């Protein structure tokens, strides 16, 4: 199972003066979010070297009709790219600024949930090419368990599921009646605040929740 799309390699940098065409950028604004949840994540790319796990912060935006899940650095990359897209050309300094923020993203995909038609759009980037595919929002056969603990001051309950060849454990907060969580996970009677697989190759833990309206968009 590949959750992470394309991982960032060593960051390149242009060391000579050069001029480039300004980047093309556009975005489709969908709606304002009602919740924004950020997650610390740890992802093991090379299972033979788990000590070299990659870490970062992901963002889950919840709206009335749409959700979005993305690496927080992808949001920052979009902001920089949009700013430079209004120029006629960009120089090496501009280009290096875009590269610097872009290569901080451990995963580069976006996931948009359209809750009205039960459809998920997955957008990824391989080198300079963008691609997307659509699928029905997956249904998960969760097993609800009795264990509880605290995350961010919320009492959370344990659930488990087998998905794409991995055994997953989730902790969800019934006090937050949102049936979603990181990546494609959904269907529990509360917001997923933590989820990980039994080999600890993927681990997401919520570190903040706010209700400040932010634009949910497709870039």
N, C-alpha and C. Protein backbone atom coordinates (compact mmCIF):
# COMPACT_ATOMS: atom_id res chain seq x y z
N UNK A 1 0.84 -1.19 0.00
CA UNK A 1 0.00 0.00 0.00
C UNK A 1 0.87 1.24 0.00
N UNK A 2 0.63 2.17 -0.91
CA UNK A 2 1.42 3.39 -0.98
C UNK A 2 0.55 4.53 -0.50
N UNK A 3 0.89 5.11 0.64
CA UNK A 3 0.16 6.25 1.16
C UNK A 3 0.83 7.56 0.80
N UNK A 4 2.08 7.50 0.46
CA UNK A 4 2.86 8.74 0.49
C UNK A 4 3.14 9.34 -0.88
N UNK A 5 2.62 8.78 -1.95
CA UNK A 5 2.91 9.36 -3.24
C UNK A 5 4.40 9.37 -3.49
N UNK A 6 4.90 10.49 -3.97
CA UNK A 6 6.32 10.61 -4.28
C UNK A 6 7.03 11.30 -3.13
N UNK A 7 8.03 10.69 -2.58
CA UNK A 7 8.79 11.28 -1.49
C UNK A 7 9.79 12.29 -2.04
N UNK A 8 10.12 13.25 -1.21
CA UNK A 8 11.12 14.24 -1.60
C UNK A 8 12.51 13.65 -1.49
N UNK A 9 13.31 13.91 -2.51
CA UNK A 9 14.70 13.51 -2.48
C UNK A 9 15.53 14.70 -2.02
N UNK A 10 16.85 14.61 -2.13
CA UNK A 10 17.71 15.72 -1.72
C UNK A 10 17.32 16.97 -2.50
N UNK A 11 17.22 18.06 -1.78
CA UNK A 11 16.75 19.30 -2.39
C UNK A 11 17.78 19.86 -3.37
N UNK A 12 17.38 20.09 -4.63
CA UNK A 12 18.29 20.73 -5.59
C UNK A 12 18.33 22.23 -5.36
N UNK A 13 19.35 22.87 -5.89
CA UNK A 13 19.47 24.31 -5.76
C UNK A 13 20.23 24.85 -6.96
N UNK A 14 19.71 25.92 -7.53
CA UNK A 14 20.36 26.55 -8.67
C UNK A 14 21.36 27.56 -8.15
N UNK A 15 22.61 27.39 -8.52
CA UNK A 15 23.68 28.21 -7.96
C UNK A 15 24.15 29.31 -8.91
N UNK A 16 23.61 29.33 -10.11
CA UNK A 16 24.00 30.36 -11.07
C UNK A 16 22.80 31.26 -11.36
N UNK A 17 23.07 32.46 -11.86
CA UNK A 17 22.00 33.38 -12.23
C UNK A 17 21.30 32.85 -13.48
N UNK A 18 19.99 32.79 -13.42
CA UNK A 18 19.22 32.31 -14.56
C UNK A 18 17.82 32.89 -14.48
N UNK A 19 17.14 32.87 -15.61
CA UNK A 19 15.77 33.39 -15.69
C UNK A 19 14.87 32.29 -16.25
N UNK A 20 13.68 32.17 -15.67
CA UNK A 20 12.74 31.13 -16.09
C UNK A 20 11.36 31.75 -16.31
N UNK A 21 10.55 31.04 -17.05
CA UNK A 21 9.15 31.46 -17.19
C UNK A 21 8.48 31.34 -15.83
N UNK A 22 7.58 32.25 -15.54
CA UNK A 22 6.86 32.19 -14.28
C UNK A 22 6.01 30.92 -14.22
N UNK A 23 5.84 30.34 -13.05
CA UNK A 23 5.06 29.11 -12.95
C UNK A 23 3.59 29.36 -13.25
N UNK A 24 2.96 28.35 -13.85
CA UNK A 24 1.51 28.40 -14.01
C UNK A 24 0.86 27.92 -12.73
N UNK A 25 -0.15 28.64 -12.29
CA UNK A 25 -0.84 28.22 -11.07
C UNK A 25 -2.31 28.63 -11.16
N UNK A 26 -3.17 27.74 -10.76
CA UNK A 26 -4.58 28.07 -10.62
C UNK A 26 -5.15 27.20 -9.52
N UNK A 27 -6.25 27.64 -8.93
CA UNK A 27 -6.89 26.83 -7.91
C UNK A 27 -8.40 26.98 -8.01
N UNK A 28 -9.09 25.91 -7.66
CA UNK A 28 -10.55 25.92 -7.63
C UNK A 28 -10.98 25.99 -6.17
N UNK A 29 -11.58 27.11 -5.80
CA UNK A 29 -12.06 27.27 -4.44
C UNK A 29 -13.38 26.52 -4.27
N UNK A 30 -13.46 25.70 -3.23
CA UNK A 30 -14.62 24.83 -3.04
C UNK A 30 -15.56 25.38 -1.98
N UNK A 31 -15.04 25.63 -0.79
CA UNK A 31 -15.84 26.22 0.30
C UNK A 31 -14.90 26.50 1.47
N UNK A 32 -15.42 27.16 2.49
CA UNK A 32 -14.65 27.42 3.69
C UNK A 32 -14.77 26.24 4.65
N UNK A 33 -13.69 25.96 5.34
CA UNK A 33 -13.70 24.86 6.30
C UNK A 33 -14.44 25.25 7.57
N UNK A 34 -14.95 24.23 8.26
CA UNK A 34 -15.55 24.42 9.58
C UNK A 34 -14.61 23.91 10.68
N UNK A 35 -13.74 22.97 10.33
CA UNK A 35 -12.71 22.46 11.23
C UNK A 35 -11.40 22.34 10.46
N UNK A 36 -10.29 22.61 11.14
CA UNK A 36 -8.95 22.37 10.61
C UNK A 36 -8.17 21.58 11.66
N UNK A 37 -7.71 20.41 11.27
CA UNK A 37 -6.99 19.54 12.20
C UNK A 37 -5.60 19.30 11.64
N UNK A 38 -4.57 19.55 12.42
CA UNK A 38 -3.22 19.24 11.98
C UNK A 38 -2.72 17.99 12.72
N UNK A 39 -1.95 17.19 12.00
CA UNK A 39 -1.43 15.93 12.52
C UNK A 39 0.09 15.88 12.37
N UNK A 40 0.78 15.53 13.44
CA UNK A 40 2.16 15.11 13.30
C UNK A 40 2.16 13.73 12.65
N UNK A 41 3.03 13.52 11.67
CA UNK A 41 3.09 12.20 11.07
C UNK A 41 4.52 11.68 11.01
N UNK A 42 4.62 10.39 11.02
CA UNK A 42 5.90 9.71 10.82
C UNK A 42 5.66 8.61 9.80
N UNK A 43 6.49 8.55 8.77
CA UNK A 43 6.33 7.60 7.68
C UNK A 43 7.67 6.92 7.42
N UNK A 44 7.66 5.61 7.39
CA UNK A 44 8.85 4.84 7.07
C UNK A 44 8.83 4.51 5.57
N UNK A 45 9.76 5.10 4.85
CA UNK A 45 9.85 4.84 3.42
C UNK A 45 10.57 3.54 3.13
N UNK A 46 11.70 3.33 3.79
CA UNK A 46 12.51 2.13 3.61
C UNK A 46 12.31 1.23 4.82
N UNK A 47 11.58 0.14 4.64
CA UNK A 47 11.25 -0.74 5.78
C UNK A 47 12.51 -1.41 6.34
N UNK A 48 13.60 -1.43 5.57
CA UNK A 48 14.84 -2.02 6.07
C UNK A 48 15.63 -1.03 6.92
N UNK A 49 15.19 0.22 6.92
CA UNK A 49 15.87 1.25 7.72
C UNK A 49 14.82 2.10 8.43
N UNK A 50 14.05 1.49 9.34
CA UNK A 50 12.97 2.24 10.01
C UNK A 50 13.46 3.42 10.83
N UNK A 51 14.75 3.40 11.19
CA UNK A 51 15.28 4.52 11.96
C UNK A 51 15.37 5.80 11.12
N UNK A 52 15.23 5.69 9.81
CA UNK A 52 15.28 6.84 8.92
C UNK A 52 13.88 7.32 8.54
N UNK A 53 12.93 7.14 9.43
CA UNK A 53 11.56 7.56 9.17
C UNK A 53 11.50 9.07 8.89
N UNK A 54 10.58 9.44 8.00
CA UNK A 54 10.35 10.85 7.67
C UNK A 54 9.22 11.37 8.54
N UNK A 55 9.28 12.63 8.90
CA UNK A 55 8.24 13.21 9.73
C UNK A 55 7.83 14.57 9.18
N UNK A 56 6.64 15.00 9.54
CA UNK A 56 6.13 16.28 9.09
C UNK A 56 4.79 16.56 9.71
N UNK A 57 4.06 17.51 9.11
CA UNK A 57 2.73 17.89 9.59
C UNK A 57 1.76 17.84 8.43
N UNK A 58 0.62 17.21 8.65
CA UNK A 58 -0.44 17.13 7.63
C UNK A 58 -1.64 17.92 8.10
N UNK A 59 -2.48 18.32 7.16
CA UNK A 59 -3.66 19.12 7.45
C UNK A 59 -4.90 18.42 6.94
N UNK A 60 -5.91 18.30 7.81
CA UNK A 60 -7.23 17.82 7.41
C UNK A 60 -8.21 18.96 7.58
N UNK A 61 -8.84 19.38 6.49
CA UNK A 61 -9.85 20.42 6.53
C UNK A 61 -11.23 19.77 6.36
N UNK A 62 -12.15 20.16 7.21
CA UNK A 62 -13.51 19.63 7.17
C UNK A 62 -14.46 20.75 6.77
N UNK A 63 -15.26 20.52 5.74
CA UNK A 63 -16.29 21.46 5.33
C UNK A 63 -17.64 20.80 5.33
N UNK A 64 -18.67 21.54 4.97
CA UNK A 64 -20.00 20.97 4.90
C UNK A 64 -20.13 19.97 3.75
N UNK A 65 -19.54 20.31 2.59
CA UNK A 65 -19.65 19.47 1.40
C UNK A 65 -18.34 18.78 1.04
N UNK A 66 -17.21 19.39 1.44
CA UNK A 66 -15.90 18.88 1.03
C UNK A 66 -14.98 18.74 2.23
N UNK A 67 -14.06 17.79 2.14
CA UNK A 67 -12.90 17.68 3.03
C UNK A 67 -11.65 17.73 2.16
N UNK A 68 -10.53 18.09 2.78
CA UNK A 68 -9.25 18.04 2.09
C UNK A 68 -8.19 17.53 3.05
N UNK A 69 -7.32 16.63 2.55
CA UNK A 69 -6.18 16.14 3.32
C UNK A 69 -4.92 16.36 2.51
N UNK A 70 -3.91 17.00 3.13
CA UNK A 70 -2.72 17.41 2.38
C UNK A 70 -1.58 17.64 3.36
N UNK A 71 -0.36 17.53 2.87
CA UNK A 71 0.82 17.92 3.64
C UNK A 71 0.77 19.43 3.84
N UNK A 72 1.02 19.89 5.05
CA UNK A 72 0.95 21.32 5.33
C UNK A 72 1.93 22.10 4.47
N UNK A 73 3.07 21.52 4.13
CA UNK A 73 4.03 22.21 3.27
C UNK A 73 3.54 22.34 1.84
N UNK A 74 2.58 21.50 1.44
CA UNK A 74 1.97 21.67 0.12
C UNK A 74 1.16 22.96 0.08
N UNK A 75 0.50 23.29 1.19
CA UNK A 75 -0.23 24.56 1.27
C UNK A 75 0.74 25.73 1.14
N UNK A 76 1.90 25.64 1.81
CA UNK A 76 2.90 26.69 1.73
C UNK A 76 3.48 26.79 0.32
N UNK A 77 3.68 25.63 -0.33
CA UNK A 77 4.17 25.63 -1.71
C UNK A 77 3.20 26.32 -2.64
N UNK A 78 1.91 26.03 -2.46
CA UNK A 78 0.89 26.68 -3.29
C UNK A 78 0.94 28.20 -3.11
N UNK A 79 1.11 28.65 -1.88
CA UNK A 79 1.14 30.09 -1.62
C UNK A 79 2.30 30.77 -2.32
N UNK A 80 3.49 30.15 -2.24
CA UNK A 80 4.67 30.72 -2.91
C UNK A 80 4.50 30.67 -4.43
N UNK A 81 4.03 29.56 -4.95
CA UNK A 81 3.85 29.42 -6.39
C UNK A 81 2.83 30.41 -6.93
N UNK A 82 1.74 30.59 -6.20
CA UNK A 82 0.72 31.55 -6.62
C UNK A 82 1.30 32.96 -6.67
N UNK A 83 2.11 33.30 -5.69
CA UNK A 83 2.71 34.64 -5.63
C UNK A 83 3.61 34.88 -6.83
N UNK A 84 4.43 33.90 -7.19
CA UNK A 84 5.35 34.08 -8.31
C UNK A 84 4.67 33.92 -9.67
N UNK A 85 3.49 33.32 -9.70
CA UNK A 85 2.80 33.11 -10.98
C UNK A 85 2.36 34.43 -11.61
N UNK A 86 2.30 35.51 -10.81
CA UNK A 86 1.88 36.80 -11.34
C UNK A 86 3.05 37.57 -11.97
N UNK A 87 4.26 37.06 -11.86
CA UNK A 87 5.41 37.70 -12.48
C UNK A 87 5.54 37.25 -13.93
N UNK A 88 6.25 38.03 -14.72
CA UNK A 88 6.48 37.64 -16.11
C UNK A 88 7.56 36.56 -16.19
N UNK A 89 8.59 36.71 -15.34
CA UNK A 89 9.64 35.70 -15.25
C UNK A 89 10.07 35.58 -13.79
N UNK A 90 10.75 34.48 -13.48
CA UNK A 90 11.32 34.30 -12.14
C UNK A 90 12.82 34.06 -12.29
N UNK A 91 13.57 34.48 -11.28
CA UNK A 91 15.02 34.28 -11.33
C UNK A 91 15.43 33.11 -10.44
N UNK A 92 16.73 32.90 -10.32
CA UNK A 92 17.22 31.76 -9.55
C UNK A 92 16.79 31.84 -8.09
N UNK A 93 16.79 33.05 -7.53
CA UNK A 93 16.39 33.22 -6.14
C UNK A 93 14.94 32.82 -5.93
N UNK A 94 14.07 33.27 -6.84
CA UNK A 94 12.66 32.88 -6.77
C UNK A 94 12.51 31.36 -6.87
N UNK A 95 13.21 30.80 -7.85
CA UNK A 95 13.09 29.36 -8.11
C UNK A 95 13.56 28.56 -6.90
N UNK A 96 14.66 28.99 -6.30
CA UNK A 96 15.17 28.27 -5.12
C UNK A 96 14.22 28.39 -3.94
N UNK A 97 13.54 29.51 -3.84
CA UNK A 97 12.54 29.66 -2.76
C UNK A 97 11.40 28.66 -2.95
N UNK A 98 10.95 28.50 -4.20
CA UNK A 98 9.90 27.52 -4.46
C UNK A 98 10.37 26.10 -4.18
N UNK A 99 11.60 25.79 -4.59
CA UNK A 99 12.14 24.45 -4.35
C UNK A 99 12.28 24.17 -2.87
N UNK A 100 12.72 25.18 -2.11
CA UNK A 100 12.99 24.97 -0.69
C UNK A 100 11.75 24.53 0.05
N UNK A 101 10.62 25.18 -0.23
CA UNK A 101 9.39 24.81 0.47
C UNK A 101 8.79 23.54 -0.11
N UNK A 102 8.92 23.37 -1.44
CA UNK A 102 8.35 22.18 -2.08
C UNK A 102 9.00 20.90 -1.56
N UNK A 103 10.32 20.92 -1.39
CA UNK A 103 11.03 19.71 -0.99
C UNK A 103 10.91 19.41 0.50
N UNK A 104 10.18 20.24 1.23
CA UNK A 104 9.88 19.91 2.62
C UNK A 104 8.67 18.99 2.74
N UNK A 105 7.90 18.86 1.67
CA UNK A 105 6.72 17.99 1.69
C UNK A 105 7.15 16.54 1.57
N UNK A 106 6.82 15.74 2.56
CA UNK A 106 7.16 14.32 2.49
C UNK A 106 6.25 13.60 1.51
N UNK A 107 4.98 13.97 1.51
CA UNK A 107 4.11 13.48 0.44
C UNK A 107 3.50 14.68 -0.28
N UNK A 108 3.24 14.52 -1.55
CA UNK A 108 2.85 15.65 -2.39
C UNK A 108 1.44 15.52 -2.94
N UNK A 109 0.71 14.55 -2.47
CA UNK A 109 -0.64 14.38 -2.99
C UNK A 109 -1.63 15.26 -2.24
N UNK A 110 -2.78 15.46 -2.88
CA UNK A 110 -3.94 16.07 -2.25
C UNK A 110 -5.09 15.07 -2.34
N UNK A 111 -5.91 15.03 -1.30
CA UNK A 111 -7.12 14.21 -1.34
C UNK A 111 -8.31 15.12 -1.06
N UNK A 112 -9.25 15.14 -1.98
CA UNK A 112 -10.47 15.92 -1.82
C UNK A 112 -11.65 14.96 -1.68
N UNK A 113 -12.40 15.09 -0.60
CA UNK A 113 -13.62 14.32 -0.41
C UNK A 113 -14.81 15.17 -0.84
N UNK A 114 -15.60 14.66 -1.75
CA UNK A 114 -16.88 15.28 -2.11
C UNK A 114 -17.96 14.47 -1.43
N UNK A 115 -18.47 14.99 -0.32
CA UNK A 115 -19.39 14.21 0.49
C UNK A 115 -20.79 14.14 -0.11
N UNK A 116 -21.11 15.07 -1.02
CA UNK A 116 -22.44 15.05 -1.63
C UNK A 116 -22.61 13.89 -2.59
N UNK A 117 -21.53 13.55 -3.33
CA UNK A 117 -21.64 12.42 -4.27
C UNK A 117 -20.80 11.22 -3.85
N UNK A 118 -20.31 11.26 -2.59
CA UNK A 118 -19.55 10.13 -2.03
C UNK A 118 -18.34 9.79 -2.88
N UNK A 119 -17.65 10.82 -3.37
CA UNK A 119 -16.53 10.62 -4.29
C UNK A 119 -15.26 11.23 -3.72
N UNK A 120 -14.17 10.55 -3.96
CA UNK A 120 -12.85 11.00 -3.51
C UNK A 120 -12.00 11.28 -4.74
N UNK A 121 -11.33 12.43 -4.75
CA UNK A 121 -10.40 12.78 -5.82
C UNK A 121 -8.99 12.79 -5.25
N UNK A 122 -8.10 12.04 -5.86
CA UNK A 122 -6.70 11.91 -5.43
C UNK A 122 -5.83 12.57 -6.49
N UNK A 123 -5.10 13.60 -6.09
CA UNK A 123 -4.23 14.34 -7.01
C UNK A 123 -2.79 14.16 -6.56
N UNK A 124 -1.93 13.77 -7.47
CA UNK A 124 -0.53 13.56 -7.14
C UNK A 124 0.34 14.18 -8.21
N UNK A 125 1.63 14.28 -7.92
CA UNK A 125 2.59 14.85 -8.85
C UNK A 125 3.78 13.91 -8.95
N UNK A 126 4.12 13.52 -10.16
CA UNK A 126 5.31 12.72 -10.42
C UNK A 126 6.22 13.55 -11.31
N UNK A 127 7.34 13.96 -10.72
CA UNK A 127 8.25 14.88 -11.39
C UNK A 127 7.47 16.14 -11.77
N UNK A 128 7.36 16.48 -13.04
CA UNK A 128 6.65 17.71 -13.43
C UNK A 128 5.21 17.44 -13.84
N UNK A 129 4.79 16.20 -13.81
CA UNK A 129 3.45 15.85 -14.30
C UNK A 129 2.47 15.69 -13.15
N UNK A 130 1.27 16.24 -13.33
CA UNK A 130 0.19 16.05 -12.38
C UNK A 130 -0.76 14.98 -12.90
N UNK A 131 -1.31 14.21 -11.99
CA UNK A 131 -2.35 13.27 -12.40
C UNK A 131 -3.36 13.16 -11.28
N UNK A 132 -4.57 12.74 -11.63
CA UNK A 132 -5.59 12.54 -10.61
C UNK A 132 -6.45 11.35 -11.00
N UNK A 133 -7.06 10.76 -9.99
CA UNK A 133 -8.07 9.74 -10.23
C UNK A 133 -9.18 9.92 -9.22
N UNK A 134 -10.35 9.38 -9.54
CA UNK A 134 -11.50 9.47 -8.67
C UNK A 134 -11.99 8.08 -8.31
N UNK A 135 -12.51 7.95 -7.10
CA UNK A 135 -13.06 6.69 -6.63
C UNK A 135 -14.14 6.99 -5.61
N UNK A 136 -14.96 6.01 -5.31
CA UNK A 136 -15.92 6.16 -4.24
C UNK A 136 -15.18 6.23 -2.91
N UNK A 137 -15.69 7.03 -1.98
CA UNK A 137 -15.08 7.09 -0.66
C UNK A 137 -15.13 5.69 -0.05
N UNK A 138 -13.99 5.12 0.31
CA UNK A 138 -13.98 3.72 0.77
C UNK A 138 -14.72 3.54 2.09
N UNK A 139 -15.34 2.36 2.21
CA UNK A 139 -16.02 1.99 3.45
C UNK A 139 -15.10 1.07 4.24
N UNK A 140 -15.01 1.29 5.54
CA UNK A 140 -14.11 0.52 6.40
C UNK A 140 -14.93 -0.30 7.39
N UNK A 141 -14.53 -1.56 7.54
CA UNK A 141 -15.22 -2.47 8.48
C UNK A 141 -14.56 -2.37 9.85
N UNK A 142 -14.82 -1.29 10.56
CA UNK A 142 -14.18 -1.03 11.83
C UNK A 142 -14.66 -2.01 12.91
N UNK A 143 -13.77 -2.38 13.78
CA UNK A 143 -14.09 -3.12 15.00
C UNK A 143 -13.90 -2.18 16.17
N UNK A 144 -15.01 -1.85 16.86
CA UNK A 144 -14.95 -0.93 17.98
C UNK A 144 -14.52 -1.68 19.24
N UNK A 145 -13.58 -1.10 19.96
CA UNK A 145 -13.03 -1.76 21.15
C UNK A 145 -13.28 -0.91 22.40
N UNK A 146 -12.96 -1.45 23.56
CA UNK A 146 -13.34 -0.80 24.83
C UNK A 146 -12.27 0.13 25.39
N UNK A 147 -11.06 0.02 24.90
CA UNK A 147 -9.97 0.82 25.48
C UNK A 147 -10.17 2.31 25.22
N UNK A 148 -9.73 3.14 26.16
CA UNK A 148 -9.81 4.59 26.02
C UNK A 148 -8.49 5.22 26.47
N UNK A 149 -8.26 6.46 26.05
CA UNK A 149 -7.14 7.26 26.53
C UNK A 149 -7.44 8.71 26.22
N UNK A 150 -6.50 9.60 26.49
CA UNK A 150 -6.69 11.03 26.27
C UNK A 150 -5.76 11.52 25.15
N UNK A 151 -6.31 12.32 24.25
CA UNK A 151 -5.52 13.01 23.22
C UNK A 151 -6.06 14.43 23.12
N UNK A 152 -5.21 15.41 23.28
CA UNK A 152 -5.58 16.83 23.21
C UNK A 152 -6.72 17.16 24.17
N UNK A 153 -6.77 16.47 25.29
CA UNK A 153 -7.82 16.72 26.27
C UNK A 153 -9.13 16.02 26.00
N UNK A 154 -9.20 15.28 24.90
CA UNK A 154 -10.41 14.54 24.56
C UNK A 154 -10.26 13.07 24.98
N UNK A 155 -11.34 12.50 25.47
CA UNK A 155 -11.38 11.07 25.73
C UNK A 155 -11.61 10.38 24.39
N UNK A 156 -10.69 9.50 24.01
CA UNK A 156 -10.80 8.83 22.71
C UNK A 156 -10.94 7.33 22.91
N UNK A 157 -11.64 6.72 21.98
CA UNK A 157 -11.88 5.29 22.02
C UNK A 157 -11.10 4.59 20.91
N UNK A 158 -10.81 3.34 21.12
CA UNK A 158 -10.00 2.55 20.20
C UNK A 158 -10.87 1.82 19.19
N UNK A 159 -10.36 1.73 17.97
CA UNK A 159 -11.00 0.93 16.91
C UNK A 159 -9.90 0.33 16.06
N UNK A 160 -10.21 -0.77 15.40
CA UNK A 160 -9.21 -1.41 14.54
C UNK A 160 -9.85 -1.82 13.23
N UNK A 161 -9.02 -1.93 12.21
CA UNK A 161 -9.51 -2.32 10.89
C UNK A 161 -8.35 -2.87 10.08
N UNK A 162 -8.65 -3.75 9.14
CA UNK A 162 -7.65 -4.22 8.18
C UNK A 162 -7.95 -3.53 6.85
N UNK A 163 -6.93 -2.86 6.31
CA UNK A 163 -7.11 -2.13 5.07
C UNK A 163 -5.85 -2.23 4.23
N UNK A 164 -6.01 -2.65 2.98
CA UNK A 164 -4.91 -2.72 2.01
C UNK A 164 -3.73 -3.51 2.55
N UNK A 165 -4.00 -4.61 3.22
CA UNK A 165 -2.95 -5.50 3.68
C UNK A 165 -2.28 -5.09 4.97
N UNK A 166 -2.80 -4.06 5.62
CA UNK A 166 -2.22 -3.60 6.89
C UNK A 166 -3.28 -3.62 7.99
N UNK A 167 -2.84 -3.86 9.21
CA UNK A 167 -3.72 -3.80 10.37
C UNK A 167 -3.56 -2.43 11.02
N UNK A 168 -4.66 -1.71 11.15
CA UNK A 168 -4.64 -0.33 11.63
C UNK A 168 -5.34 -0.21 12.97
N UNK A 169 -4.80 0.66 13.82
CA UNK A 169 -5.44 1.03 15.07
C UNK A 169 -5.74 2.52 15.04
N UNK A 170 -6.99 2.87 15.36
CA UNK A 170 -7.40 4.27 15.37
C UNK A 170 -7.94 4.63 16.75
N UNK A 171 -7.78 5.90 17.10
CA UNK A 171 -8.35 6.45 18.33
C UNK A 171 -9.21 7.64 17.93
N UNK A 172 -10.50 7.59 18.28
CA UNK A 172 -11.46 8.58 17.79
C UNK A 172 -12.18 9.24 18.96
N UNK A 173 -12.58 10.50 18.75
CA UNK A 173 -13.24 11.30 19.79
C UNK A 173 -14.72 11.44 19.45
N UNK A 174 -15.57 10.79 20.23
CA UNK A 174 -17.01 10.90 19.99
C UNK A 174 -17.52 12.31 20.28
N UNK A 175 -16.77 13.08 21.08
CA UNK A 175 -17.19 14.45 21.37
C UNK A 175 -17.05 15.37 20.16
N UNK A 176 -16.35 14.92 19.14
CA UNK A 176 -16.23 15.69 17.89
C UNK A 176 -16.91 14.85 16.81
N UNK A 177 -18.18 15.13 16.50
CA UNK A 177 -18.97 14.26 15.62
C UNK A 177 -18.62 14.40 14.14
N UNK A 178 -17.38 14.09 13.82
CA UNK A 178 -16.89 14.13 12.44
C UNK A 178 -16.38 12.74 12.10
N UNK A 179 -16.90 12.14 11.06
CA UNK A 179 -16.58 10.75 10.76
C UNK A 179 -15.40 10.62 9.80
N UNK A 180 -14.35 11.40 10.04
CA UNK A 180 -13.20 11.37 9.13
C UNK A 180 -11.91 11.40 9.94
N UNK A 181 -10.80 11.24 9.23
CA UNK A 181 -9.49 11.27 9.83
C UNK A 181 -8.44 11.43 8.75
N UNK A 182 -7.18 11.16 9.05
CA UNK A 182 -6.11 11.30 8.05
C UNK A 182 -6.31 10.37 6.86
N UNK A 183 -5.68 10.75 5.75
CA UNK A 183 -5.69 9.98 4.51
C UNK A 183 -7.12 9.69 4.09
N UNK A 184 -7.46 8.45 3.77
CA UNK A 184 -8.81 8.12 3.32
C UNK A 184 -9.69 7.58 4.44
N UNK A 185 -9.18 7.53 5.65
CA UNK A 185 -9.90 6.86 6.72
C UNK A 185 -11.15 7.65 7.12
N UNK A 186 -12.23 6.91 7.34
CA UNK A 186 -13.51 7.52 7.67
C UNK A 186 -14.44 6.45 8.24
N UNK A 187 -15.59 6.89 8.73
CA UNK A 187 -16.63 5.95 9.11
C UNK A 187 -16.75 5.64 10.59
N UNK A 188 -15.91 6.24 11.44
CA UNK A 188 -16.04 6.04 12.88
C UNK A 188 -16.97 7.10 13.47
N UNK A 189 -17.58 6.83 14.62
CA UNK A 189 -18.52 7.79 15.22
C UNK A 189 -17.82 8.93 15.95
N UNK A 190 -16.84 9.53 15.32
CA UNK A 190 -16.08 10.63 15.90
C UNK A 190 -14.80 10.85 15.13
N UNK A 191 -14.22 12.03 15.29
CA UNK A 191 -12.99 12.40 14.58
C UNK A 191 -11.83 11.50 15.00
N UNK A 192 -11.10 10.99 14.02
CA UNK A 192 -9.90 10.19 14.31
C UNK A 192 -8.77 11.13 14.69
N UNK A 193 -8.28 11.00 15.92
CA UNK A 193 -7.18 11.85 16.39
C UNK A 193 -5.83 11.15 16.31
N UNK A 194 -5.84 9.84 16.18
CA UNK A 194 -4.59 9.11 16.02
C UNK A 194 -4.87 7.84 15.24
N UNK A 195 -3.95 7.47 14.35
CA UNK A 195 -4.08 6.21 13.62
C UNK A 195 -2.69 5.75 13.19
N UNK A 196 -2.48 4.44 13.27
CA UNK A 196 -1.18 3.88 12.90
C UNK A 196 -1.36 2.42 12.53
N UNK A 197 -0.41 1.91 11.73
CA UNK A 197 -0.46 0.49 11.38
C UNK A 197 0.40 -0.30 12.37
N UNK A 198 0.20 -1.61 12.38
CA UNK A 198 0.84 -2.43 13.42
C UNK A 198 2.35 -2.51 13.27
N UNK A 199 2.89 -2.14 12.13
CA UNK A 199 4.34 -2.13 11.95
C UNK A 199 4.94 -0.73 12.16
N UNK A 200 4.07 0.23 12.47
CA UNK A 200 4.51 1.61 12.71
C UNK A 200 5.22 2.20 11.49
N UNK A 201 4.78 1.80 10.30
CA UNK A 201 5.30 2.42 9.09
C UNK A 201 4.60 3.75 8.81
N UNK A 202 3.38 3.87 9.31
CA UNK A 202 2.59 5.10 9.15
C UNK A 202 1.98 5.44 10.51
N UNK A 203 2.15 6.67 10.95
CA UNK A 203 1.60 7.07 12.25
C UNK A 203 1.21 8.53 12.17
N UNK A 204 -0.07 8.81 12.42
CA UNK A 204 -0.60 10.17 12.42
C UNK A 204 -1.20 10.46 13.80
N UNK A 205 -0.83 11.60 14.40
CA UNK A 205 -1.36 12.00 15.69
C UNK A 205 -1.75 13.47 15.65
N UNK A 206 -2.98 13.78 15.99
CA UNK A 206 -3.44 15.17 15.97
C UNK A 206 -2.68 16.01 16.98
N UNK A 207 -2.30 17.22 16.56
CA UNK A 207 -1.62 18.14 17.49
C UNK A 207 -2.36 19.45 17.67
N UNK A 208 -3.38 19.71 16.84
CA UNK A 208 -4.18 20.93 17.02
C UNK A 208 -5.51 20.79 16.30
N UNK A 209 -6.50 21.48 16.83
CA UNK A 209 -7.83 21.53 16.22
C UNK A 209 -8.33 22.97 16.35
N UNK A 210 -8.81 23.55 15.25
CA UNK A 210 -9.42 24.87 15.35
C UNK A 210 -10.61 24.96 14.40
N UNK A 211 -11.43 25.97 14.62
CA UNK A 211 -12.61 26.18 13.78
C UNK A 211 -12.55 27.51 13.06
N UNK A 212 -11.34 27.97 12.74
CA UNK A 212 -11.16 29.19 11.96
C UNK A 212 -11.40 28.88 10.49
N UNK A 213 -12.36 29.53 9.85
CA UNK A 213 -12.66 29.22 8.45
C UNK A 213 -11.45 29.45 7.54
N UNK A 214 -11.07 28.43 6.78
CA UNK A 214 -10.01 28.52 5.79
C UNK A 214 -10.52 27.96 4.46
N UNK A 215 -9.97 28.49 3.38
CA UNK A 215 -10.44 28.05 2.07
C UNK A 215 -10.02 26.61 1.79
N UNK A 216 -10.98 25.78 1.45
CA UNK A 216 -10.69 24.44 0.92
C UNK A 216 -10.64 24.59 -0.59
N UNK A 217 -9.51 24.23 -1.18
CA UNK A 217 -9.35 24.45 -2.61
C UNK A 217 -8.62 23.28 -3.25
N UNK A 218 -8.77 23.18 -4.54
CA UNK A 218 -8.06 22.20 -5.36
C UNK A 218 -7.06 22.97 -6.20
N UNK A 219 -5.75 22.72 -5.99
CA UNK A 219 -4.73 23.45 -6.76
C UNK A 219 -4.31 22.65 -7.97
